[in-house]
Amino acid sequence: MKVFLTSTVFFVCTLAMAQDVSFINSISNTNRQSARVASDKIASLTTLNYRFYKAIEQSSDSTYTIIYAPAEVTDVDLEAKQDWDECLFVGFKLENEGDSKELKFSSIRGKYLDIFPAWKKYFKQKAHLEYTITDPESREIADNQRGYHFVLQEGENQNIPRWSILNKS
């Protein structure tokens, strides 16, 4: 009975880790449609009711950013460059130029309470809301074998309390 119970627990833990790794792999080499699906999953975990606002491609720095705005913030306010501090940004780096552009996840930017659920679900499942914000050592996950390295970090502008999950791979 012990062996069965131990095997079951090991299998469940392995399965939980596989879900984490599969999400990381899915955003590491993706296309626009899959990037949008992954970004929608991230936005659905947040504390606010976000809506898709738009996706922006910047050829100057080879980035593709999907922007989510709070439901109550209008497009007019966003176009007038107001209330951008309330938005959630999911960024990707363009890997290939031309017709078949591949995307690689680069960052999630937003308020701590909005990006922490994604950190916990997809990157560091044992993360704790209060402990993680005060302990910088709990804000990093790396796996050299699988080739990924992610960091949760606080923004440098104290007037705008923004946090980011960065892909350092």
N, C-alpha and C. Protein backbone atom coordinates (compact mmCIF):
# COMPACT_ATOMS: atom_id res chain seq x y z
N MET A 1 0.83 -1.19 0.00
CA MET A 1 0.00 0.00 0.00
C MET A 1 0.87 1.26 0.00
N LYS A 2 1.98 1.23 0.77
CA LYS A 2 2.89 2.37 0.81
C LYS A 2 3.47 2.66 -0.57
N VAL A 3 3.86 1.59 -1.25
CA VAL A 3 4.46 1.74 -2.56
C VAL A 3 3.45 2.36 -3.53
N PHE A 4 2.21 1.89 -3.47
CA PHE A 4 1.17 2.44 -4.34
C PHE A 4 0.93 3.91 -4.05
N LEU A 5 0.84 4.27 -2.79
CA LEU A 5 0.61 5.66 -2.40
C LEU A 5 1.77 6.55 -2.82
N THR A 6 3.00 6.09 -2.57
CA THR A 6 4.18 6.84 -2.94
C THR A 6 4.25 7.03 -4.46
N SER A 7 3.96 5.96 -5.20
CA SER A 7 3.98 6.03 -6.66
C SER A 7 2.93 7.00 -7.18
N THR A 8 1.76 6.99 -6.57
CA THR A 8 0.69 7.89 -6.98
C THR A 8 1.08 9.34 -6.74
N VAL A 9 1.63 9.63 -5.57
CA VAL A 9 2.06 10.99 -5.26
C VAL A 9 3.15 11.44 -6.22
N PHE A 10 4.12 10.57 -6.50
CA PHE A 10 5.19 10.90 -7.44
C PHE A 10 4.62 11.19 -8.83
N PHE A 11 3.67 10.36 -9.27
CA PHE A 11 3.07 10.55 -10.59
C PHE A 11 2.32 11.88 -10.67
N VAL A 12 1.55 12.20 -9.65
CA VAL A 12 0.80 13.45 -9.63
C VAL A 12 1.75 14.65 -9.65
N CYS A 13 2.83 14.59 -8.86
CA CYS A 13 3.82 15.69 -8.85
C CYS A 13 4.48 15.84 -10.21
N THR A 14 4.82 14.73 -10.83
CA THR A 14 5.43 14.76 -12.15
C THR A 14 4.46 15.34 -13.17
N LEU A 15 3.20 14.95 -13.08
CA LEU A 15 2.20 15.47 -13.99
C LEU A 15 2.03 16.97 -13.82
N ALA A 16 2.02 17.43 -12.57
CA ALA A 16 1.89 18.87 -12.31
C ALA A 16 3.06 19.63 -12.89
N MET A 17 4.26 19.10 -12.75
CA MET A 17 5.44 19.75 -13.32
C MET A 17 5.39 19.73 -14.84
N ALA A 18 4.85 18.65 -15.42
CA ALA A 18 4.77 18.57 -16.88
C ALA A 18 3.86 19.67 -17.43
N GLN A 19 2.79 19.99 -16.72
CA GLN A 19 1.92 21.07 -17.18
C GLN A 19 2.68 22.38 -17.19
N ASP A 20 3.49 22.61 -16.18
CA ASP A 20 4.29 23.82 -16.08
C ASP A 20 5.28 23.88 -17.25
N VAL A 21 5.98 22.82 -17.48
CA VAL A 21 6.97 22.77 -18.54
C VAL A 21 6.30 22.88 -19.91
N SER A 22 5.15 22.28 -20.07
CA SER A 22 4.48 22.35 -21.37
C SER A 22 4.05 23.79 -21.70
N PHE A 23 3.60 24.54 -20.68
CA PHE A 23 3.25 25.94 -20.93
C PHE A 23 4.50 26.74 -21.30
N ILE A 24 5.57 26.54 -20.55
CA ILE A 24 6.82 27.25 -20.84
C ILE A 24 7.30 26.92 -22.25
N ASN A 25 7.23 25.65 -22.62
CA ASN A 25 7.64 25.27 -23.97
C ASN A 25 6.73 25.89 -25.03
N SER A 26 5.43 25.97 -24.72
CA SER A 26 4.49 26.51 -25.70
C SER A 26 4.71 27.99 -25.97
N ILE A 27 5.20 28.74 -24.99
CA ILE A 27 5.43 30.17 -25.21
C ILE A 27 6.87 30.47 -25.63
N SER A 28 7.72 29.45 -25.59
CA SER A 28 9.12 29.67 -25.96
C SER A 28 9.34 29.71 -27.46
N ASN A 29 8.47 29.08 -28.19
CA ASN A 29 8.57 29.06 -29.65
C ASN A 29 7.15 28.98 -30.18
N THR A 30 6.59 30.12 -30.52
CA THR A 30 5.17 30.15 -30.84
C THR A 30 4.89 31.08 -32.02
N ASN A 31 3.63 31.15 -32.39
CA ASN A 31 3.19 32.08 -33.43
C ASN A 31 2.21 33.06 -32.80
N ARG A 32 1.70 33.98 -33.59
CA ARG A 32 0.82 35.02 -33.05
C ARG A 32 -0.47 34.46 -32.45
N GLN A 33 -1.04 33.50 -33.11
CA GLN A 33 -2.30 32.93 -32.62
C GLN A 33 -2.10 32.21 -31.29
N SER A 34 -1.07 31.40 -31.19
CA SER A 34 -0.79 30.69 -29.94
C SER A 34 -0.34 31.65 -28.85
N ALA A 35 0.37 32.70 -29.23
CA ALA A 35 0.78 33.72 -28.26
C ALA A 35 -0.45 34.40 -27.67
N ARG A 36 -1.43 34.67 -28.50
CA ARG A 36 -2.66 35.29 -28.02
C ARG A 36 -3.40 34.36 -27.07
N VAL A 37 -3.47 33.07 -27.38
CA VAL A 37 -4.13 32.09 -26.52
C VAL A 37 -3.43 32.03 -25.16
N ALA A 38 -2.10 31.96 -25.18
CA ALA A 38 -1.34 31.92 -23.92
C ALA A 38 -1.53 33.21 -23.14
N SER A 39 -1.53 34.33 -23.82
CA SER A 39 -1.72 35.63 -23.16
C SER A 39 -3.11 35.73 -22.55
N ASP A 40 -4.10 35.22 -23.25
CA ASP A 40 -5.46 35.21 -22.70
C ASP A 40 -5.53 34.38 -21.41
N LYS A 41 -4.81 33.27 -21.38
CA LYS A 41 -4.76 32.45 -20.16
C LYS A 41 -4.14 33.24 -19.01
N ILE A 42 -3.08 33.94 -19.31
CA ILE A 42 -2.40 34.76 -18.29
C ILE A 42 -3.35 35.85 -17.79
N ALA A 43 -4.01 36.53 -18.70
CA ALA A 43 -4.92 37.62 -18.32
C ALA A 43 -6.11 37.10 -17.53
N SER A 44 -6.54 35.88 -17.79
CA SER A 44 -7.69 35.33 -17.07
C SER A 44 -7.38 35.03 -15.61
N LEU A 45 -6.11 34.94 -15.26
CA LEU A 45 -5.71 34.65 -13.88
C LEU A 45 -5.65 35.89 -12.99
N THR A 46 -5.76 37.05 -13.58
CA THR A 46 -5.55 38.30 -12.85
C THR A 46 -6.70 38.63 -11.90
N THR A 47 -6.45 39.61 -11.03
CA THR A 47 -7.47 40.03 -10.07
C THR A 47 -8.49 40.98 -10.68
N LEU A 48 -8.11 41.70 -11.72
CA LEU A 48 -9.03 42.62 -12.40
C LEU A 48 -9.71 41.93 -13.57
N ASN A 49 -10.76 42.54 -14.06
CA ASN A 49 -11.44 42.06 -15.24
C ASN A 49 -10.80 42.75 -16.45
N TYR A 50 -9.82 42.09 -17.07
CA TYR A 50 -9.13 42.66 -18.21
C TYR A 50 -9.81 42.26 -19.51
N ARG A 51 -9.67 43.12 -20.50
CA ARG A 51 -10.15 42.83 -21.85
C ARG A 51 -8.98 43.03 -22.81
N PHE A 52 -8.99 42.28 -23.90
CA PHE A 52 -7.96 42.45 -24.91
C PHE A 52 -8.11 43.85 -25.49
N TYR A 53 -7.00 44.58 -25.55
CA TYR A 53 -7.02 45.92 -26.14
C TYR A 53 -6.45 45.87 -27.55
N LYS A 54 -5.18 45.49 -27.67
CA LYS A 54 -4.59 45.35 -28.99
C LYS A 54 -3.21 44.69 -28.89
N ALA A 55 -2.71 44.32 -30.04
CA ALA A 55 -1.35 43.78 -30.16
C ALA A 55 -0.55 44.74 -31.01
N ILE A 56 0.67 44.99 -30.58
CA ILE A 56 1.54 45.94 -31.27
C ILE A 56 2.84 45.24 -31.66
N GLU A 57 3.21 45.38 -32.92
CA GLU A 57 4.51 44.87 -33.37
C GLU A 57 5.43 46.05 -33.61
N GLN A 58 6.59 46.01 -32.99
CA GLN A 58 7.61 47.05 -33.16
C GLN A 58 8.78 46.44 -33.92
N SER A 59 8.93 46.80 -35.16
CA SER A 59 10.05 46.25 -35.94
C SER A 59 11.38 46.83 -35.48
N SER A 60 11.36 48.01 -34.88
CA SER A 60 12.61 48.64 -34.45
C SER A 60 13.35 47.83 -33.39
N ASP A 61 12.61 47.19 -32.50
CA ASP A 61 13.27 46.37 -31.47
C ASP A 61 12.81 44.92 -31.52
N SER A 62 12.17 44.53 -32.61
CA SER A 62 11.72 43.16 -32.86
C SER A 62 10.86 42.61 -31.71
N THR A 63 9.84 43.37 -31.32
CA THR A 63 8.96 42.91 -30.25
C THR A 63 7.52 42.85 -30.73
N TYR A 64 6.78 42.00 -30.06
CA TYR A 64 5.35 41.85 -30.29
C TYR A 64 4.70 41.85 -28.91
N THR A 65 3.86 42.85 -28.63
CA THR A 65 3.28 43.02 -27.31
C THR A 65 1.77 42.95 -27.39
N ILE A 66 1.19 42.12 -26.53
CA ILE A 66 -0.26 42.00 -26.43
C ILE A 66 -0.68 42.77 -25.19
N ILE A 67 -1.62 43.68 -25.35
CA ILE A 67 -2.01 44.59 -24.27
C ILE A 67 -3.45 44.29 -23.85
N TYR A 68 -3.63 44.20 -22.54
CA TYR A 68 -4.94 44.02 -21.94
C TYR A 68 -5.23 45.23 -21.07
N ALA A 69 -6.43 45.77 -21.21
CA ALA A 69 -6.84 46.93 -20.43
C ALA A 69 -7.96 46.53 -19.48
N PRO A 70 -8.05 47.20 -18.33
CA PRO A 70 -9.20 46.93 -17.46
C PRO A 70 -10.50 47.22 -18.22
N ALA A 71 -11.52 46.45 -17.97
CA ALA A 71 -12.78 46.58 -18.70
C ALA A 71 -13.36 47.98 -18.61
N GLU A 72 -13.15 48.66 -17.48
CA GLU A 72 -13.75 49.98 -17.31
C GLU A 72 -12.96 51.12 -17.96
N VAL A 73 -11.75 50.86 -18.43
CA VAL A 73 -10.95 51.88 -19.10
C VAL A 73 -11.29 51.86 -20.59
N THR A 74 -11.67 53.00 -21.10
CA THR A 74 -12.11 53.06 -22.50
C THR A 74 -10.92 53.16 -23.46
N ASP A 75 -11.17 52.81 -24.69
CA ASP A 75 -10.15 52.95 -25.73
C ASP A 75 -9.76 54.41 -25.91
N VAL A 76 -10.71 55.31 -25.74
CA VAL A 76 -10.45 56.74 -25.87
C VAL A 76 -9.41 57.18 -24.83
N ASP A 77 -9.56 56.71 -23.58
CA ASP A 77 -8.59 57.05 -22.53
C ASP A 77 -7.21 56.47 -22.86
N LEU A 78 -7.20 55.28 -23.39
CA LEU A 78 -5.91 54.67 -23.74
C LEU A 78 -5.26 55.39 -24.92
N GLU A 79 -6.04 55.74 -25.91
CA GLU A 79 -5.49 56.46 -27.06
C GLU A 79 -5.01 57.85 -26.66
N ALA A 80 -5.58 58.42 -25.62
CA ALA A 80 -5.16 59.73 -25.12
C ALA A 80 -3.96 59.60 -24.17
N LYS A 81 -3.40 58.39 -24.12
CA LYS A 81 -2.22 58.08 -23.30
C LYS A 81 -2.49 58.23 -21.80
N GLN A 82 -3.73 57.96 -21.41
CA GLN A 82 -4.09 57.95 -20.00
C GLN A 82 -4.35 56.51 -19.57
N ASP A 83 -4.16 56.24 -18.29
CA ASP A 83 -4.48 54.94 -17.68
C ASP A 83 -3.67 53.76 -18.22
N TRP A 84 -2.51 53.99 -18.80
CA TRP A 84 -1.66 52.88 -19.24
C TRP A 84 -1.07 52.12 -18.05
N ASP A 85 -0.99 52.77 -16.89
CA ASP A 85 -0.46 52.11 -15.70
C ASP A 85 -1.36 50.97 -15.25
N GLU A 86 -2.59 50.98 -15.67
CA GLU A 86 -3.56 49.96 -15.27
C GLU A 86 -3.52 48.73 -16.18
N CYS A 87 -2.80 48.80 -17.28
CA CYS A 87 -2.81 47.73 -18.28
C CYS A 87 -1.87 46.58 -17.91
N LEU A 88 -2.13 45.45 -18.54
CA LEU A 88 -1.31 44.26 -18.43
C LEU A 88 -0.67 44.04 -19.80
N PHE A 89 0.63 43.82 -19.82
CA PHE A 89 1.37 43.66 -21.07
C PHE A 89 2.03 42.27 -21.10
N VAL A 90 1.85 41.56 -22.19
CA VAL A 90 2.52 40.28 -22.40
C VAL A 90 3.38 40.46 -23.64
N GLY A 91 4.70 40.37 -23.45
CA GLY A 91 5.63 40.66 -24.53
C GLY A 91 6.32 39.43 -25.09
N PHE A 92 6.58 39.49 -26.37
CA PHE A 92 7.30 38.44 -27.09
C PHE A 92 8.38 39.07 -27.94
N LYS A 93 9.42 38.33 -28.19
CA LYS A 93 10.50 38.76 -29.07
C LYS A 93 10.32 38.06 -30.41
N LEU A 94 10.41 38.83 -31.49
CA LEU A 94 10.32 38.25 -32.83
C LEU A 94 11.64 37.55 -33.14
N GLU A 95 11.57 36.27 -33.41
CA GLU A 95 12.78 35.48 -33.65
C GLU A 95 13.15 35.44 -35.12
N ASN A 96 12.17 35.34 -36.00
CA ASN A 96 12.43 35.25 -37.44
C ASN A 96 11.75 36.40 -38.15
N GLU A 97 12.41 36.97 -39.08
CA GLU A 97 11.83 38.03 -39.89
C GLU A 97 11.21 37.40 -41.14
N GLY A 98 10.37 38.13 -41.82
CA GLY A 98 9.75 37.63 -43.05
C GLY A 98 8.35 37.10 -42.79
N ASP A 99 7.94 36.15 -43.65
CA ASP A 99 6.58 35.64 -43.58
C ASP A 99 6.30 34.79 -42.35
N SER A 100 7.22 33.92 -41.99
CA SER A 100 6.98 33.02 -40.85
C SER A 100 7.70 33.54 -39.61
N LYS A 101 7.07 34.47 -38.94
CA LYS A 101 7.66 35.07 -37.75
C LYS A 101 7.37 34.20 -36.54
N GLU A 102 8.41 33.72 -35.90
CA GLU A 102 8.25 32.96 -34.67
C GLU A 102 8.44 33.91 -33.50
N LEU A 103 7.71 33.64 -32.44
CA LEU A 103 7.76 34.47 -31.25
C LEU A 103 8.31 33.68 -30.07
N LYS A 104 9.04 34.39 -29.22
CA LYS A 104 9.56 33.80 -27.99
C LYS A 104 9.14 34.70 -26.84
N PHE A 105 8.55 34.12 -25.81
CA PHE A 105 8.09 34.89 -24.67
C PHE A 105 9.23 35.72 -24.09
N SER A 106 8.96 36.99 -23.79
CA SER A 106 9.99 37.82 -23.16
C SER A 106 9.56 38.36 -21.81
N SER A 107 8.27 38.76 -21.63
CA SER A 107 7.90 39.33 -20.34
C SER A 107 6.39 39.43 -20.15
N ILE A 108 6.02 39.53 -18.88
CA ILE A 108 4.67 39.92 -18.48
C ILE A 108 4.89 41.11 -17.57
N ARG A 109 4.19 42.21 -17.84
CA ARG A 109 4.33 43.41 -17.00
C ARG A 109 2.96 43.83 -16.50
N GLY A 110 2.90 44.16 -15.22
CA GLY A 110 1.66 44.61 -14.63
C GLY A 110 1.79 44.79 -13.14
N LYS A 111 0.67 44.92 -12.48
CA LYS A 111 0.68 45.03 -11.03
C LYS A 111 1.00 43.67 -10.42
N TYR A 112 1.65 43.70 -9.27
CA TYR A 112 2.07 42.46 -8.61
C TYR A 112 0.91 41.49 -8.44
N LEU A 113 -0.22 41.96 -7.94
CA LEU A 113 -1.36 41.08 -7.70
C LEU A 113 -1.94 40.51 -8.99
N ASP A 114 -1.64 41.14 -10.12
CA ASP A 114 -2.12 40.62 -11.40
C ASP A 114 -1.17 39.64 -12.06
N ILE A 115 0.12 39.79 -11.84
CA ILE A 115 1.04 38.85 -12.49
C ILE A 115 1.46 37.71 -11.57
N PHE A 116 1.27 37.86 -10.26
CA PHE A 116 1.65 36.78 -9.35
C PHE A 116 0.91 35.47 -9.65
N PRO A 117 -0.40 35.48 -9.94
CA PRO A 117 -1.06 34.21 -10.24
C PRO A 117 -0.42 33.45 -11.40
N ALA A 118 0.05 34.16 -12.43
CA ALA A 118 0.75 33.50 -13.55
C ALA A 118 2.09 32.94 -13.08
N TRP A 119 2.79 33.69 -12.23
CA TRP A 119 4.07 33.23 -11.68
C TRP A 119 3.85 31.92 -10.93
N LYS A 120 2.82 31.87 -10.11
CA LYS A 120 2.53 30.69 -9.30
C LYS A 120 2.08 29.51 -10.17
N LYS A 121 1.19 29.75 -11.09
CA LYS A 121 0.64 28.66 -11.89
C LYS A 121 1.62 28.10 -12.91
N TYR A 122 2.34 28.96 -13.61
CA TYR A 122 3.15 28.50 -14.73
C TYR A 122 4.64 28.41 -14.46
N PHE A 123 5.15 29.17 -13.51
CA PHE A 123 6.59 29.24 -13.34
C PHE A 123 7.08 28.66 -12.01
N LYS A 124 6.45 28.99 -10.91
CA LYS A 124 6.91 28.54 -9.60
C LYS A 124 5.70 28.19 -8.75
N GLN A 125 5.28 26.94 -8.85
CA GLN A 125 4.02 26.50 -8.27
C GLN A 125 3.96 26.61 -6.74
N LYS A 126 5.08 26.57 -6.10
CA LYS A 126 5.09 26.65 -4.63
C LYS A 126 5.25 28.08 -4.12
N ALA A 127 5.14 29.05 -5.00
CA ALA A 127 5.29 30.45 -4.60
C ALA A 127 4.17 30.86 -3.66
N HIS A 128 4.50 31.75 -2.74
CA HIS A 128 3.54 32.27 -1.76
C HIS A 128 3.42 33.78 -1.96
N LEU A 129 2.21 34.29 -1.99
CA LEU A 129 1.93 35.68 -2.32
C LEU A 129 2.75 36.66 -1.49
N GLU A 130 2.70 36.57 -0.18
CA GLU A 130 3.41 37.53 0.67
C GLU A 130 4.90 37.24 0.76
N TYR A 131 5.27 35.98 0.82
CA TYR A 131 6.68 35.62 0.96
C TYR A 131 7.48 36.03 -0.29
N THR A 132 6.89 35.84 -1.44
CA THR A 132 7.59 36.14 -2.69
C THR A 132 7.89 37.62 -2.84
N ILE A 133 6.99 38.46 -2.40
CA ILE A 133 7.19 39.91 -2.56
C ILE A 133 8.32 40.42 -1.68
N THR A 134 8.61 39.74 -0.57
CA THR A 134 9.65 40.21 0.35
C THR A 134 10.97 39.47 0.21
N ASP A 135 10.98 38.33 -0.47
CA ASP A 135 12.20 37.53 -0.58
C ASP A 135 12.67 37.42 -2.03
N PRO A 136 13.70 38.19 -2.40
CA PRO A 136 14.18 38.16 -3.79
C PRO A 136 14.64 36.78 -4.25
N GLU A 137 15.10 35.94 -3.34
CA GLU A 137 15.58 34.61 -3.74
C GLU A 137 14.45 33.70 -4.22
N SER A 138 13.21 34.00 -3.82
CA SER A 138 12.08 33.18 -4.24
C SER A 138 11.49 33.63 -5.57
N ARG A 139 12.13 34.63 -6.19
CA ARG A 139 11.61 35.20 -7.43
C ARG A 139 12.39 34.77 -8.67
N GLU A 140 12.98 33.62 -8.61
CA GLU A 140 13.77 33.15 -9.75
C GLU A 140 13.58 31.66 -9.91
N ILE A 141 13.49 31.23 -11.15
CA ILE A 141 13.44 29.80 -11.44
C ILE A 141 14.27 29.54 -12.69
N ALA A 142 15.12 28.56 -12.58
CA ALA A 142 16.00 28.22 -13.71
C ALA A 142 16.14 26.71 -13.80
N ASP A 143 16.22 26.22 -15.00
CA ASP A 143 16.45 24.81 -15.25
C ASP A 143 17.40 24.72 -16.44
N ASN A 144 18.67 24.47 -16.14
CA ASN A 144 19.68 24.42 -17.19
C ASN A 144 19.45 23.27 -18.16
N GLN A 145 18.91 22.17 -17.65
CA GLN A 145 18.66 21.02 -18.49
C GLN A 145 17.61 21.33 -19.57
N ARG A 146 16.55 22.02 -19.17
CA ARG A 146 15.49 22.38 -20.12
C ARG A 146 15.77 23.71 -20.81
N GLY A 147 16.73 24.44 -20.31
CA GLY A 147 17.15 25.69 -20.95
C GLY A 147 16.27 26.89 -20.70
N TYR A 148 15.73 27.02 -19.50
CA TYR A 148 14.98 28.22 -19.21
C TYR A 148 15.40 28.86 -17.90
N HIS A 149 15.15 30.17 -17.82
CA HIS A 149 15.51 30.98 -16.65
C HIS A 149 14.54 32.17 -16.62
N PHE A 150 13.71 32.21 -15.57
CA PHE A 150 12.71 33.27 -15.43
C PHE A 150 12.89 33.97 -14.10
N VAL A 151 12.62 35.28 -14.11
CA VAL A 151 12.78 36.11 -12.91
C VAL A 151 11.54 36.97 -12.76
N LEU A 152 11.06 37.04 -11.52
CA LEU A 152 9.99 37.97 -11.16
C LEU A 152 10.66 39.14 -10.48
N GLN A 153 10.50 40.33 -11.04
CA GLN A 153 11.20 41.47 -10.44
C GLN A 153 10.33 42.71 -10.39
N GLU A 154 10.64 43.54 -9.41
CA GLU A 154 9.93 44.80 -9.22
C GLU A 154 10.50 45.85 -10.15
N GLY A 155 9.63 46.71 -10.65
CA GLY A 155 10.07 47.80 -11.51
C GLY A 155 10.88 48.82 -10.74
N GLU A 156 11.63 49.61 -11.45
CA GLU A 156 12.52 50.58 -10.81
C GLU A 156 11.86 51.92 -10.52
N ASN A 157 10.73 52.20 -11.16
CA ASN A 157 10.03 53.46 -10.93
C ASN A 157 9.11 53.30 -9.72
N GLN A 158 9.44 53.96 -8.61
CA GLN A 158 8.66 53.83 -7.38
C GLN A 158 7.28 54.47 -7.50
N ASN A 159 7.10 55.41 -8.42
CA ASN A 159 5.81 56.05 -8.60
C ASN A 159 4.79 55.16 -9.31
N ILE A 160 5.29 54.21 -10.08
CA ILE A 160 4.43 53.28 -10.80
C ILE A 160 4.77 51.87 -10.31
N PRO A 161 3.92 51.30 -9.47
CA PRO A 161 4.23 49.98 -8.90
C PRO A 161 4.02 48.86 -9.90
N ARG A 162 4.99 48.67 -10.78
CA ARG A 162 4.92 47.65 -11.82
C ARG A 162 5.87 46.50 -11.51
N TRP A 163 5.48 45.31 -11.87
CA TRP A 163 6.29 44.13 -11.71
C TRP A 163 6.39 43.45 -13.08
N SER A 164 7.40 42.60 -13.22
CA SER A 164 7.60 41.88 -14.48
C SER A 164 8.03 40.46 -14.22
N ILE A 165 7.60 39.58 -15.07
CA ILE A 165 8.16 38.23 -15.16
C ILE A 165 9.00 38.29 -16.42
N LEU A 166 10.30 38.11 -16.28
CA LEU A 166 11.22 38.25 -17.43
C LEU A 166 11.81 36.91 -17.81
N ASN A 167 11.92 36.69 -19.10
CA ASN A 167 12.60 35.53 -19.63
C ASN A 167 14.06 35.87 -19.81
N LYS A 168 14.92 35.26 -19.00
CA LYS A 168 16.36 35.50 -19.07
C LYS A 168 17.08 34.40 -19.85
N SER A 169 16.30 33.50 -20.46
CA SER A 169 16.89 32.37 -21.20
C SER A 169 17.58 32.83 -22.45
